[in-house]
C-alpha atoms as a PDB file:
ATOM      1  CA  MET A   1      42.041  26.611 118.615  1.00  0.00           C
ATOM      2  CA  ARG A   2      45.927  26.777 118.469  1.00  0.00           C
ATOM      3  CA  LYS A   3      47.557  28.073 121.656  1.00  0.00           C
ATOM      4  CA  LEU A   4      50.683  29.359 119.891  1.00  0.00           C
ATOM      5  CA  PRO A   5      50.695  31.374 116.839  1.00  0.00           C
ATOM      6  CA  ASN A   6      53.043  29.862 113.070  1.00  0.00           C
ATOM      7  CA  ILE A   7      55.578  31.442 112.110  1.00  0.00           C
ATOM      8  CA  ILE A   8      57.049  31.041 108.907  1.00  0.00           C
ATOM      9  CA  VAL A   9      60.520  32.701 108.137  1.00  0.00           C
ATOM     10  CA  THR A  10      61.072  33.001 104.828  1.00  0.00           C
ATOM     11  CA  GLY A  11      63.206  35.279 101.979  1.00  0.00           C
ATOM     12  CA  THR A  12      66.258  34.627  99.695  1.00  0.00           C
ATOM     13  CA  PRO A  13      68.696  32.017  99.910  1.00  0.00           C
ATOM     14  CA  GLY A  14      71.387  33.230 102.475  1.00  0.00           C
ATOM     15  CA  THR A  15      68.972  35.730 103.597  1.00  0.00           C
ATOM     16  CA  GLY A  16      70.034  34.125 106.916  1.00  0.00           C
ATOM     17  CA  LYS A  17      66.400  31.861 107.552  1.00  0.00           C
ATOM     18  CA  SER A  18      67.996  28.839 108.972  1.00  0.00           C
ATOM     19  CA  THR A  19      70.320  31.141 111.974  1.00  0.00           C
ATOM     20  CA  HIS A  20      66.605  33.125 113.363  1.00  0.00           C
ATOM     21  CA  SER A  21      64.617  29.795 112.789  1.00  0.00           C
ATOM     22  CA  GLU A  22      67.338  28.801 115.608  1.00  0.00           C
ATOM     23  CA  ARG A  23      67.394  30.811 117.517  1.00  0.00           C
ATOM     24  CA  LEU A  24      64.001  31.266 117.561  1.00  0.00           C
ATOM     25  CA  GLN A  25      63.356  27.459 118.769  1.00  0.00           C
ATOM     26  CA  GLU A  26      66.199  29.040 121.411  1.00  0.00           C
ATOM     27  CA  LEU A  27      64.137  31.252 122.249  1.00  0.00           C
ATOM     28  CA  MET A  28      60.568  29.863 122.288  1.00  0.00           C
ATOM     29  CA  PRO A  29      61.590  26.274 123.762  1.00  0.00           C
ATOM     30  CA  LYS A  30      57.712  25.265 122.591  1.00  0.00           C
ATOM     31  CA  MET A  31      57.889  26.089 119.202  1.00  0.00           C
ATOM     32  CA  THR A  32      59.058  23.714 117.034  1.00  0.00           C
ATOM     33  CA  TYR A  33      61.416  24.179 113.885  1.00  0.00           C
ATOM     34  CA  ILE A  34      60.673  22.674 110.970  1.00  0.00           C
ATOM     35  CA  SER A  35      63.895  23.830 108.419  1.00  0.00           C
ATOM     36  CA  ILE A  36      61.545  22.101 104.992  1.00  0.00           C
ATOM     37  CA  ASN A  37      64.543  20.562 103.569  1.00  0.00           C
ATOM     38  CA  LYS A  38      65.155  18.367 106.679  1.00  0.00           C
ATOM     39  CA  TYR A  39      61.368  18.393 106.153  1.00  0.00           C
ATOM     40  CA  VAL A  40      61.560  17.247 102.304  1.00  0.00           C
ATOM     41  CA  GLN A  41      64.274  14.619 102.465  1.00  0.00           C
ATOM     42  CA  GLU A  42      62.912  13.132 106.291  1.00  0.00           C
ATOM     43  CA  HIS A  43      59.125  12.420 103.826  1.00  0.00           C
ATOM     44  CA  SER A  44      60.744  11.733 101.176  1.00  0.00           C
ATOM     45  CA  LEU A  45      58.860  14.489  98.896  1.00  0.00           C
ATOM     46  CA  GLU A  46      61.616  15.438  96.670  1.00  0.00           C
ATOM     47  CA  ASP A  47      59.816  15.765  93.358  1.00  0.00           C
ATOM     48  CA  GLY A  48      63.332  15.007  91.255  1.00  0.00           C
ATOM     49  CA  PHE A  49      66.056  17.335  90.808  1.00  0.00           C
ATOM     50  CA  ASP A  50      67.487  20.141  88.443  1.00  0.00           C
ATOM     51  CA  GLU A  51      70.438  19.300  87.690  1.00  0.00           C
ATOM     52  CA  GLU A  52      71.146  23.398  86.430  1.00  0.00           C
ATOM     53  CA  ARG A  53      70.543  24.651  89.535  1.00  0.00           C
ATOM     54  CA  GLN A  54      71.734  21.736  91.423  1.00  0.00           C
ATOM     55  CA  SER A  55      68.490  21.615  93.460  1.00  0.00           C
ATOM     56  CA  THR A  56      65.687  19.656  94.555  1.00  0.00           C
ATOM     57  CA  MET A  57      62.250  19.595  93.431  1.00  0.00           C
ATOM     58  CA  VAL A  58      59.516  19.704  96.239  1.00  0.00           C
ATOM     59  CA  ASP A  59      56.136  18.241  95.737  1.00  0.00           C
ATOM     60  CA  GLU A  60      54.089  21.092  97.633  1.00  0.00           C
ATOM     61  CA  ASP A  61      51.485  19.909  97.342  1.00  0.00           C
ATOM     62  CA  LYS A  62      52.325  16.347  99.560  1.00  0.00           C
ATOM     63  CA  LEU A  63      54.644  18.686 101.809  1.00  0.00           C
ATOM     64  CA  VAL A  64      50.861  20.687 102.304  1.00  0.00           C
ATOM     65  CA  ASP A  65      49.458  17.955 103.230  1.00  0.00           C
ATOM     66  CA  LEU A  66      52.399  16.107 105.416  1.00  0.00           C
ATOM     67  CA  LEU A  67      52.845  19.754 107.085  1.00  0.00           C
ATOM     68  CA  THR A  68      49.578  20.950 107.713  1.00  0.00           C
ATOM     69  CA  VAL A  69      49.318  18.412 110.625  1.00  0.00           C
ATOM     70  CA  ASP A  70      51.216  20.701 112.314  1.00  0.00           C
ATOM     71  CA  LEU A  71      50.414  23.890 111.892  1.00  0.00           C
ATOM     72  CA  GLU A  72      46.359  22.888 112.522  1.00  0.00           C
ATOM     73  CA  LYS A  73      48.343  22.280 115.981  1.00  0.00           C
ATOM     74  CA  GLY A  74      50.334  26.026 116.107  1.00  0.00           C
ATOM     75  CA  GLY A  75      53.862  26.579 117.606  1.00  0.00           C
ATOM     76  CA  CYS A  76      56.165  25.109 113.691  1.00  0.00           C
ATOM     77  CA  ILE A  77      58.676  28.564 113.235  1.00  0.00           C
ATOM     78  CA  ILE A  78      58.825  26.955 109.517  1.00  0.00           C
ATOM     79  CA  ASP A  79      62.129  27.443 107.636  1.00  0.00           C
ATOM     80  CA  TRP A  80      61.863  27.706 103.933  1.00  0.00           C
ATOM     81  CA  HIS A  81      62.483  30.002 100.868  1.00  0.00           C
ATOM     82  CA  VAL A  82      58.860  29.517  99.738  1.00  0.00           C
ATOM     83  CA  CYS A  83      56.567  30.795 101.489  1.00  0.00           C
ATOM     84  CA  HIS A  84      52.818  31.636  99.490  1.00  0.00           C
ATOM     85  CA  ILE A  85      51.681  27.775  99.494  1.00  0.00           C
ATOM     86  CA  PHE A  86      50.750  27.055 102.390  1.00  0.00           C
ATOM     87  CA  PRO A  87      46.991  28.150 103.619  1.00  0.00           C
ATOM     88  CA  GLU A  88      46.760  31.569 104.922  1.00  0.00           C
ATOM     89  CA  SER A  89      44.749  30.022 107.693  1.00  0.00           C
ATOM     90  CA  LEU A  90      47.089  28.303 109.555  1.00  0.00           C
ATOM     91  CA  ILE A  91      49.631  31.169 109.554  1.00  0.00           C
ATOM     92  CA  ASP A  92      49.884  34.211 111.675  1.00  0.00           C
ATOM     93  CA  LEU A  93      52.897  36.417 110.590  1.00  0.00           C
ATOM     94  CA  VAL A  94      55.042  35.803 107.838  1.00  0.00           C
ATOM     95  CA  VAL A  95      58.864  37.184 108.112  1.00  0.00           C
ATOM     96  CA  VAL A  96      60.869  37.524 104.875  1.00  0.00           C
ATOM     97  CA  LEU A  97      64.630  38.223 105.809  1.00  0.00           C
ATOM     98  CA  ARG A  98      66.429  40.731 103.240  1.00  0.00           C
ATOM     99  CA  THR A  99      70.274  41.700 103.036  1.00  0.00           C
ATOM    100  CA  SER A 100      71.282  43.889 100.885  1.00  0.00           C
ATOM    101  CA  THR A 101      72.770  42.789  97.322  1.00  0.00           C
ATOM    102  CA  ASN A 102      76.969  42.864  98.601  1.00  0.00           C
ATOM    103  CA  ARG A 103      76.190  40.817 101.527  1.00  0.00           C
ATOM    104  CA  LEU A 104      74.216  38.397  99.932  1.00  0.00           C
ATOM    105  CA  PHE A 105      76.425  37.831  96.873  1.00  0.00           C
ATOM    106  CA  ASP A 106      79.590  37.529  99.425  1.00  0.00           C
ATOM    107  CA  ARG A 107      77.147  34.528 101.583  1.00  0.00           C
ATOM    108  CA  LEU A 108      76.321  32.803  98.076  1.00  0.00           C
ATOM    109  CA  LYS A 109      79.389  32.898  96.782  1.00  0.00           C
ATOM    110  CA  GLU A 110      81.047  30.685 100.181  1.00  0.00           C
ATOM    111  CA  ARG A 111      78.316  28.684  98.620  1.00  0.00           C
ATOM    112  CA  ASN A 112      79.640  27.917  95.681  1.00  0.00           C
ATOM    113  CA  TYR A 113      76.143  27.229  94.184  1.00  0.00           C
ATOM    114  CA  PRO A 114      76.078  26.603  90.414  1.00  0.00           C
ATOM    115  CA  GLU A 115      76.360  29.623  88.152  1.00  0.00           C
ATOM    116  CA  LYS A 116      72.440  29.675  86.984  1.00  0.00           C
ATOM    117  CA  LYS A 117      71.130  29.457  90.703  1.00  0.00           C
ATOM    118  CA  PHE A 118      73.804  31.920  92.126  1.00  0.00           C
ATOM    119  CA  MET A 119      72.371  34.320  89.718  1.00  0.00           C
ATOM    120  CA  ASP A 120      68.710  33.290  90.339  1.00  0.00           C
ATOM    121  CA  ASN A 121      69.086  34.702  93.782  1.00  0.00           C
ATOM    122  CA  ILE A 122      70.712  36.929  93.849  1.00  0.00           C
ATOM    123  CA  ASP A 123      68.566  38.597  90.902  1.00  0.00           C
ATOM    124  CA  SER A 124      65.180  36.715  93.120  1.00  0.00           C
ATOM    125  CA  GLU A 125      66.173  39.404  95.767  1.00  0.00           C
ATOM    126  CA  ILE A 126      66.900  42.382  93.854  1.00  0.00           C
ATOM    127  CA  MET A 127      62.994  42.453  92.759  1.00  0.00           C
ATOM    128  CA  GLU A 128      61.970  41.476  96.012  1.00  0.00           C
ATOM    129  CA  ILE A 129      60.642  37.969  94.544  1.00  0.00           C
ATOM    130  CA  ILE A 130      59.920  36.511  98.057  1.00  0.00           C
ATOM    131  CA  LEU A 131      58.782  39.744  99.877  1.00  0.00           C
ATOM    132  CA  ASN A 132      55.883  40.231  96.682  1.00  0.00           C
ATOM    133  CA  ASP A 133      54.475  36.302  96.946  1.00  0.00           C
ATOM    134  CA  ALA A 134      53.988  37.090 100.274  1.00  0.00           C
ATOM    135  CA  ARG A 135      52.300  40.295 100.324  1.00  0.00           C
ATOM    136  CA  GLU A 136      49.790  38.239  97.528  1.00  0.00           C
ATOM    137  CA  SER A 137      49.998  35.050  99.093  1.00  0.00           C
ATOM    138  CA  TYR A 138      48.993  36.802 103.035  1.00  0.00           C
ATOM    139  CA  ASP A 139      47.284  39.639 104.861  1.00  0.00           C
ATOM    140  CA  PRO A 140      49.585  42.701 104.827  1.00  0.00           C
ATOM    141  CA  GLU A 141      49.094  42.500 108.751  1.00  0.00           C
ATOM    142  CA  ILE A 142      51.447  40.147 109.198  1.00  0.00           C
ATOM    143  CA  VAL A 143      53.281  39.524 106.921  1.00  0.00           C
ATOM    144  CA  ILE A 144      56.542  42.224 107.847  1.00  0.00           C
ATOM    145  CA  GLU A 145      60.367  42.706 106.014  1.00  0.00           C
ATOM    146  CA  LEU A 146      62.911  42.549 108.125  1.00  0.00           C
ATOM    147  CA  HIS A 147      66.951  43.185 107.010  1.00  0.00           C
ATOM    148  CA  SER A 148      68.927  40.235 108.753  1.00  0.00           C
ATOM    149  CA  ASN A 149      72.979  42.069 107.141  1.00  0.00           C
ATOM    150  CA  ASP A 150      74.590  40.967 110.630  1.00  0.00           C
ATOM    151  CA  ASN A 151      74.431  39.434 114.109  1.00  0.00           C
ATOM    152  CA  ASP A 152      73.145  42.670 116.156  1.00  0.00           C
ATOM    153  CA  ASP A 153      70.147  42.880 113.160  1.00  0.00           C
ATOM    154  CA  MET A 154      70.200  38.589 113.801  1.00  0.00           C
ATOM    155  CA  GLU A 155      69.122  39.316 117.899  1.00  0.00           C
ATOM    156  CA  SER A 156      67.502  42.470 117.241  1.00  0.00           C
ATOM    157  CA  ASN A 157      64.567  40.126 114.429  1.00  0.00           C
ATOM    158  CA  CYS A 158      64.246  37.666 117.056  1.00  0.00           C
ATOM    159  CA  GLN A 159      63.439  40.085 120.097  1.00  0.00           C
ATOM    160  CA  ARG A 160      60.956  41.517 118.206  1.00  0.00           C
ATOM    161  CA  ILE A 161      59.634  38.070 117.060  1.00  0.00           C
ATOM    162  CA  GLU A 162      59.614  36.342 120.707  1.00  0.00           C
ATOM    163  CA  SER A 163      57.389  39.411 121.472  1.00  0.00           C
ATOM    164  CA  TRP A 164      55.364  39.453 118.678  1.00  0.00           C
ATOM    165  CA  ALA A 165      54.608  35.561 119.547  1.00  0.00           C
ATOM    166  CA  LYS A 166      54.011  36.206 123.680  1.00  0.00           C
ATOM    167  CA  GLN A 167      51.456  39.078 122.074  1.00  0.00           C
ATOM    168  CA  TRP A 168      50.100  36.448 119.814  1.00  0.00           C
ATOM    169  CA  ILE A 169      49.110  33.962 122.751  1.00  0.00           C
ATOM    170  CA  ILE A 170      47.926  36.268 125.332  1.00  0.00           C
ATOM    171  CA  ASP A 171      45.572  37.925 122.333  1.00  0.00           C
ATOM    172  CA  ASN A 172      44.274  33.922 121.760  1.00  0.00           C
ATOM    173  CA  ASP A 173      43.781  33.048 125.002  1.00  0.00           C
ATOM    174  CA  GLU A 174      40.799  31.323 125.341  1.00  0.00           C
ATOM    175  CA  ASP A 175      40.843  30.842 129.141  1.00  0.00           C
ATOM    176  CA  ALA A 176      41.865  35.003 129.861  1.00  0.00           C
END
C-alpha cells in the first residue's frame, strides 16, 4: 500500500501546471515533482518531432512503463498536459487547471508558439478537451477543475490540494 498519493496536475499549456506543481512540491517535500517534459528528455522517450507545432512527440507506452515504477511507490506530482494515459488504479487525484481565454491567449503569445500550436491550445481550452479526457478516464470523484488566472488562484489551489493530500494520508494510514 502506498503511503503517499499520486496527483496529476494537467491542463492546456499555459494554465499554470508547472507553477502549481513546483509550489505543491514546496508545500509537500515528501512528494516528488515529475515534469513529464523533462522526464521524457532525461529518459530518451522522444518519438519524433512535429514540425508544424514545433513539439516533441512522446512514446507514451514507454513513458507509462517507466513511470509506473514511481507511481507504484506513490508520492508523485505529475505535470503534463496529457492525463488519460496513466493507470487509473495508481492515480488518486487529477487536477485540471483552467484559465480564462484572454489570460491564456496572453500567456501563449509570450511563448511565441507557432500559429498551429497556438490555435490548437486555445481551441483545446475553449472546448474543454483536457477536462473531458480526465472525466472520461478517471472516476469523477477524483477529478477536480480549478481556475488558474493569477497568483491568488494558484496559492488557494495549492492549499486546497495540500489539505486533500493530508486527508488522503490519514484515510490511507494502515497503522491508524
